[in-house]
């Protein structure tokens, strides 16, 4: 096609542009409905909670000495699971859609998938950058070759493998998908030939050819599991404290019903028993200073 075509063709009308935008919005809305998605946002990001899909990823940041200075090299495996199919994007290889059972057959893919689940804070949350693409796509040592706008909330791995200083770094939005995650719903699994080609390319990765994967995978699983276990313990401790406070507040309501119970005494017991006082200060004030019925007080406490 000659350059003169581009110079002389008429610009697209506003009506056409508006119609195309409306069609695009309708398609996006259908995709969101199909994947049971809800959204909220601000001027920079839109946050999508998608209960029918699972988002996870692993980024491995290597610290390497190069001419007396530290440089960074990145490796990544990103996953989207939707029903029985899994989208995977592997650094240096590319992306593919396969069945979940197919992913489980490959020990390398299964290893990184398991790590990704332990590193991801909320597997049903995906975030779209509205104003700009991730800065991780640029710079002297970029993670990605192209701008990306869809990210997930994960921790990542950092340090020197040789020096055994690898650790998990929390809360970094650095796992970015190359695709629109909503497109996975319509994507089909690769053919057997396509899967064979992808597998052949993947098996050329350095950690496989150098036969370091087995030792590395044990080391990685150990410290990532320690991180995951610590996170789970913190969540359980918070839940335990939450329910313990509820129980103690219920006991205080019962104590308040006793004849001769003084408000100052009740407050002293409250101070010694309740861990999260910011939630219940208002309620203990009402309990001590008003003639609130026990049933009403109990309902208010249960709703906190």
Protein backbone atom coordinates (compact mmCIF):
# COMPACT_ATOMS: atom_id res chain seq x y z
CA UNK A 1 0.00 0.00 0.00
CA UNK A 2 1.48 3.37 -1.02
CA UNK A 3 2.30 6.14 1.43
CA UNK A 4 -0.06 8.46 -0.47
CA UNK A 5 -2.97 6.33 0.78
CA UNK A 6 -2.18 7.26 4.36
CA UNK A 7 -1.81 10.93 3.43
CA UNK A 8 -5.08 11.24 1.53
CA UNK A 9 -7.54 8.93 3.27
CA UNK A 10 -10.25 10.61 5.29
CA UNK A 11 -9.97 10.56 9.08
CA UNK A 12 -12.35 8.30 10.96
CA UNK A 13 -15.55 10.13 11.93
CA UNK A 14 -16.40 10.81 15.55
CA UNK A 15 -19.53 8.68 15.18
CA UNK A 16 -17.46 5.69 14.02
CA UNK A 17 -14.99 6.13 16.87
CA UNK A 18 -17.81 6.41 19.40
CA UNK A 19 -19.54 3.30 18.02
CA UNK A 20 -16.31 1.29 18.18
CA UNK A 21 -15.71 2.44 21.76
CA UNK A 22 -19.25 1.43 22.71
CA UNK A 23 -18.76 -2.00 21.12
CA UNK A 24 -15.48 -2.37 22.99
CA UNK A 25 -17.15 -1.44 26.28
CA UNK A 26 -19.94 -3.97 25.67
CA UNK A 27 -17.40 -6.72 24.96
CA UNK A 28 -15.47 -5.87 28.13
CA UNK A 29 -18.69 -5.89 30.17
CA UNK A 30 -19.61 -9.35 28.82
CA UNK A 31 -16.15 -10.67 29.67
CA UNK A 32 -16.40 -9.29 33.20
CA UNK A 33 -19.85 -10.83 33.68
CA UNK A 34 -18.64 -14.21 32.39
CA UNK A 35 -15.74 -14.22 34.86
CA UNK A 36 -17.88 -12.91 37.75
CA UNK A 37 -15.81 -9.74 38.14
CA UNK A 38 -16.36 -6.62 40.23
CA UNK A 39 -14.29 -3.45 40.02
CA UNK A 40 -13.33 -0.28 41.88
CA UNK A 41 -10.76 2.35 41.02
CA UNK A 42 -9.17 5.78 41.17
CA UNK A 43 -7.31 8.09 38.77
CA UNK A 44 -4.37 5.68 38.46
CA UNK A 45 -5.68 2.14 38.75
CA UNK A 46 -8.75 -0.05 38.39
CA UNK A 47 -8.90 -3.01 40.77
CA UNK A 48 -10.79 -6.08 39.56
CA UNK A 49 -11.86 -8.89 41.87
CA UNK A 50 -12.53 -11.96 39.74
CA UNK A 51 -13.84 -14.91 41.72
CA UNK A 52 -13.87 -17.30 38.76
CA UNK A 53 -10.16 -16.90 38.01
CA UNK A 54 -6.91 -17.26 39.90
CA UNK A 55 -3.90 -14.97 39.29
CA UNK A 56 -0.41 -15.74 40.52
CA UNK A 57 3.21 -15.21 39.60
CA UNK A 58 6.86 -15.62 40.53
CA UNK A 59 9.54 -13.04 39.82
CA UNK A 60 13.11 -13.99 40.68
CA UNK A 61 15.47 -11.02 40.92
CA UNK A 62 19.14 -12.00 40.77
CA UNK A 63 21.85 -9.74 42.18
CA UNK A 64 24.95 -10.26 40.02
CA UNK A 65 28.39 -8.65 40.26
CA UNK A 66 29.44 -7.19 36.90
CA UNK A 67 32.63 -5.13 36.59
CA UNK A 68 32.65 -4.25 40.29
CA UNK A 69 29.00 -3.24 40.39
CA UNK A 70 25.75 -5.04 41.08
CA UNK A 71 23.35 -5.53 38.19
CA UNK A 72 19.93 -7.18 38.24
CA UNK A 73 18.73 -10.06 36.12
CA UNK A 74 15.08 -11.14 36.23
CA UNK A 75 13.28 -14.40 35.63
CA UNK A 76 9.52 -14.84 35.80
CA UNK A 77 6.64 -17.27 35.53
CA UNK A 78 3.12 -15.80 35.44
CA UNK A 79 -0.10 -17.79 35.64
CA UNK A 80 -3.85 -17.32 35.17
CA UNK A 81 -6.05 -20.27 35.99
CA UNK A 82 -9.61 -20.22 34.68
CA UNK A 83 -11.60 -23.40 35.13
CA UNK A 84 -9.55 -26.33 33.88
CA UNK A 85 -7.18 -24.26 31.74
CA UNK A 86 -4.05 -22.32 32.68
CA UNK A 87 -2.35 -19.43 30.91
CA UNK A 88 1.42 -19.37 31.51
CA UNK A 89 3.98 -16.73 30.53
CA UNK A 90 7.60 -17.83 31.04
CA UNK A 91 10.56 -15.49 30.65
CA UNK A 92 12.59 -16.17 27.51
CA UNK A 93 10.09 -18.72 26.20
CA UNK A 94 6.72 -17.04 25.66
CA UNK A 95 3.15 -17.70 26.68
CA UNK A 96 0.74 -20.57 26.20
CA UNK A 97 -2.64 -21.89 27.33
CA UNK A 98 -2.86 -25.52 28.45
CA UNK A 99 -5.03 -27.72 30.64
CA UNK A 100 -4.32 -27.72 34.36
CA UNK A 101 -3.57 -31.46 34.21
CA UNK A 102 -0.97 -30.80 31.49
CA UNK A 103 0.75 -28.21 33.67
CA UNK A 104 0.85 -30.69 36.57
CA UNK A 105 2.68 -33.25 34.43
CA UNK A 106 5.75 -31.00 34.08
CA UNK A 107 7.79 -30.80 37.29
CA UNK A 108 9.28 -27.41 36.36
CA UNK A 109 5.94 -25.74 35.62
CA UNK A 110 4.35 -27.34 38.67
CA UNK A 111 7.17 -26.07 40.89
CA UNK A 112 6.80 -22.46 39.76
CA UNK A 113 3.02 -22.66 39.91
CA UNK A 114 3.19 -23.86 43.53
CA UNK A 115 5.64 -21.07 44.40
CA UNK A 116 3.38 -18.50 42.73
CA UNK A 117 0.40 -19.48 44.89
CA UNK A 118 2.47 -19.06 48.06
CA UNK A 119 3.82 -15.66 46.97
CA UNK A 120 0.53 -14.13 45.80
CA UNK A 121 -1.36 -12.13 48.41
CA UNK A 122 -4.79 -12.19 46.74
CA UNK A 123 -5.17 -14.68 43.86
CA UNK A 124 -8.49 -13.15 42.75
CA UNK A 125 -7.23 -9.55 42.40
CA UNK A 126 -5.87 -8.02 39.18
CA UNK A 127 -5.01 -4.33 38.70
CA UNK A 128 -5.01 -2.26 35.52
CA UNK A 129 -2.76 0.80 35.26
CA UNK A 130 -4.82 3.63 33.76
CA UNK A 131 -2.30 6.45 33.33
CA UNK A 132 0.91 4.66 32.46
CA UNK A 133 2.45 1.24 31.96
CA UNK A 134 4.65 -0.39 34.54
CA UNK A 135 8.06 1.24 34.84
CA UNK A 136 9.37 -2.31 35.21
CA UNK A 137 9.08 -2.55 31.45
CA UNK A 138 11.81 0.03 30.94
CA UNK A 139 15.17 1.06 32.33
CA UNK A 140 18.66 -0.37 32.07
CA UNK A 141 17.67 -3.88 33.20
CA UNK A 142 13.98 -4.33 32.38
CA UNK A 143 11.88 -7.31 33.40
CA UNK A 144 9.71 -7.19 30.28
CA UNK A 145 10.42 -6.38 26.66
CA UNK A 146 7.12 -4.57 26.12
CA UNK A 147 4.92 -2.17 28.12
CA UNK A 148 2.41 -4.01 30.30
CA UNK A 149 -0.57 -2.64 32.21
CA UNK A 150 -2.21 -5.59 34.06
CA UNK A 151 -0.55 -6.48 37.38
CA UNK A 152 -1.16 -8.65 40.42
CA UNK A 153 -0.39 -8.29 44.12
CA UNK A 154 2.55 -10.60 44.84
CA UNK A 155 5.76 -10.78 46.78
CA UNK A 156 8.92 -11.60 44.83
CA UNK A 157 12.26 -13.37 45.30
CA UNK A 158 15.51 -11.40 45.53
CA UNK A 159 19.17 -12.08 46.29
CA UNK A 160 22.12 -14.17 45.16
CA UNK A 161 21.52 -17.85 44.56
CA UNK A 162 25.22 -18.71 44.72
CA UNK A 163 25.68 -16.90 48.04
CA UNK A 164 22.43 -18.40 49.42
CA UNK A 165 21.06 -14.93 50.26
CA UNK A 166 17.72 -15.40 48.50
CA UNK A 167 14.73 -13.96 50.37
CA UNK A 168 11.10 -13.00 49.82
CA UNK A 169 10.31 -9.28 49.45
CA UNK A 170 6.70 -8.38 50.26
CA UNK A 171 4.08 -6.29 48.48
CA UNK A 172 5.58 -5.34 45.16
CA UNK A 173 3.39 -4.84 42.08
CA UNK A 174 5.89 -6.21 39.59
CA UNK A 175 4.13 -9.21 38.05
CA UNK A 176 2.58 -7.79 34.87
CA UNK A 177 0.67 -9.76 32.25
CA UNK A 178 1.30 -9.33 28.55
CA UNK A 179 -2.38 -10.00 27.79
CA UNK A 180 -5.70 -8.67 29.00
CA UNK A 181 -6.61 -11.26 31.69
CA UNK A 182 -10.25 -11.20 30.62
CA UNK A 183 -9.22 -12.65 27.25
CA UNK A 184 -8.34 -15.98 28.89
CA UNK A 185 -12.02 -16.84 29.08
CA UNK A 186 -12.18 -17.18 25.27
CA UNK A 187 -8.67 -18.55 24.72
CA UNK A 188 -8.31 -22.21 23.73
CA UNK A 189 -5.65 -24.64 24.87
CA UNK A 190 -2.70 -25.07 22.55
CA UNK A 191 -2.65 -28.01 20.15
CA UNK A 192 -0.37 -30.92 20.94
CA UNK A 193 2.10 -29.66 18.32
CA UNK A 194 2.03 -26.18 19.86
CA UNK A 195 2.57 -27.64 23.32
CA UNK A 196 5.48 -29.76 22.09
CA UNK A 197 7.19 -26.71 20.53
CA UNK A 198 6.72 -24.67 23.70
CA UNK A 199 8.03 -27.51 25.87
CA UNK A 200 11.09 -27.96 23.66
CA UNK A 201 11.91 -24.25 23.96
CA UNK A 202 11.31 -24.28 27.72
CA UNK A 203 13.64 -27.24 28.29
CA UNK A 204 16.52 -25.16 26.90
CA UNK A 205 16.42 -22.87 29.95
CA UNK A 206 19.75 -22.54 31.77
CA UNK A 207 18.64 -24.09 35.06
CA UNK A 208 17.56 -27.23 33.19
CA UNK A 209 20.57 -27.56 30.88
CA UNK A 210 22.99 -26.88 33.75
CA UNK A 211 21.18 -29.51 35.88
CA UNK A 212 20.78 -27.05 38.77
CA UNK A 213 16.98 -27.08 38.85
CA UNK A 214 16.57 -29.95 41.32
CA UNK A 215 18.85 -28.41 43.95
CA UNK A 216 17.51 -24.91 43.32
CA UNK A 217 13.86 -25.99 43.53
CA UNK A 218 14.37 -27.54 47.00
CA UNK A 219 16.13 -24.41 48.25
CA UNK A 220 13.48 -22.09 46.83
CA UNK A 221 10.56 -24.14 48.10
CA UNK A 222 12.02 -24.14 51.61
CA UNK A 223 12.37 -20.40 52.12
CA UNK A 224 9.20 -19.51 50.17
CA UNK A 225 7.21 -21.98 52.29
CA UNK A 226 8.68 -20.39 55.43
CA UNK A 227 7.42 -17.02 54.20
CA UNK A 228 4.00 -18.47 53.37
CA UNK A 229 3.72 -20.21 56.75
CA UNK A 230 4.63 -16.97 58.55
CA UNK A 231 1.95 -15.09 56.57
CA UNK A 232 -0.66 -17.72 57.40
CA UNK A 233 0.31 -17.66 61.08
CA UNK A 234 -0.09 -13.88 61.20
CA UNK A 235 -3.55 -14.15 59.64
CA UNK A 236 -4.57 -16.87 62.10
CA UNK A 237 -3.25 -14.83 65.03
CA UNK A 238 -5.31 -11.84 63.86
CA UNK A 239 -8.42 -14.01 63.54
CA UNK A 240 -7.81 -15.52 66.96
CA UNK A 241 -7.49 -12.07 68.54
CA UNK A 242 -10.59 -10.89 66.70
CA UNK A 243 -12.78 -13.72 68.04
CA UNK A 244 -11.24 -13.50 71.50
CA UNK A 245 -12.20 -9.81 71.66
CA UNK A 246 -15.75 -10.66 70.58
CA UNK A 247 -16.03 -13.28 73.31
CA UNK A 248 -14.63 -10.95 75.96
CA UNK A 249 -16.97 -8.12 74.93
CA UNK A 250 -19.91 -10.53 75.23
CA UNK A 251 -18.73 -11.41 78.74
CA UNK A 252 -18.53 -7.69 79.61
CA UNK A 253 -22.14 -7.24 78.49
CA UNK A 254 -23.14 -10.08 80.82
CA UNK A 255 -21.11 -8.58 83.68
CA UNK A 256 -22.82 -5.24 83.17
CA UNK A 257 -26.14 -6.93 83.93
CA UNK A 258 -24.98 -7.90 87.42
CA UNK A 259 -26.33 -5.86 90.29
CA UNK A 260 -23.88 -3.36 91.68
CA UNK A 261 -21.53 -3.53 88.70
CA UNK A 262 -19.72 -0.19 88.51
CA UNK A 263 -18.90 1.42 85.15
CA UNK A 264 -15.34 2.22 86.24
CA UNK A 265 -14.72 -1.39 87.22
CA UNK A 266 -16.16 -2.59 83.93
CA UNK A 267 -13.85 -0.23 82.05
CA UNK A 268 -10.79 -1.51 83.97
CA UNK A 269 -11.69 -5.09 83.00
CA UNK A 270 -12.19 -3.94 79.40
CA UNK A 271 -8.73 -2.35 79.27
CA UNK A 272 -7.07 -5.54 80.52
CA UNK A 273 -8.97 -7.93 78.22
CA UNK A 274 -9.48 -6.28 74.81
CA UNK A 275 -6.57 -6.18 72.35
CA UNK A 276 -8.07 -3.98 69.59
CA UNK A 277 -9.57 -1.17 71.66
CA UNK A 278 -10.08 1.14 68.68
CA UNK A 279 -12.99 -1.06 67.57
CA UNK A 280 -14.77 -1.20 70.91
CA UNK A 281 -14.07 2.08 72.77
CA UNK A 282 -17.36 3.56 71.59
CA UNK A 283 -19.30 0.49 72.68
CA UNK A 284 -17.76 0.30 76.14
CA UNK A 285 -18.60 3.99 76.62
CA UNK A 286 -22.23 3.28 75.75
CA UNK A 287 -22.25 0.24 78.03
CA UNK A 288 -20.83 2.12 80.99
CA UNK A 289 -22.71 5.39 80.59
CA UNK A 290 -26.18 4.39 79.37
CA UNK A 291 -28.86 1.91 80.34
CA UNK A 292 -28.58 0.01 77.09
CA UNK A 293 -30.31 -3.36 77.02
CA UNK A 294 -27.97 -6.35 76.85
CA UNK A 295 -29.55 -7.66 73.62
CA UNK A 296 -29.00 -4.32 71.87
CA UNK A 297 -25.42 -4.10 73.17
CA UNK A 298 -24.70 -7.64 71.99
CA UNK A 299 -26.04 -6.93 68.49
CA UNK A 300 -23.87 -3.84 68.15
CA UNK A 301 -20.77 -5.76 69.23
CA UNK A 302 -21.44 -8.60 66.81
CA UNK A 303 -21.71 -6.09 63.94
CA UNK A 304 -18.28 -4.57 64.61
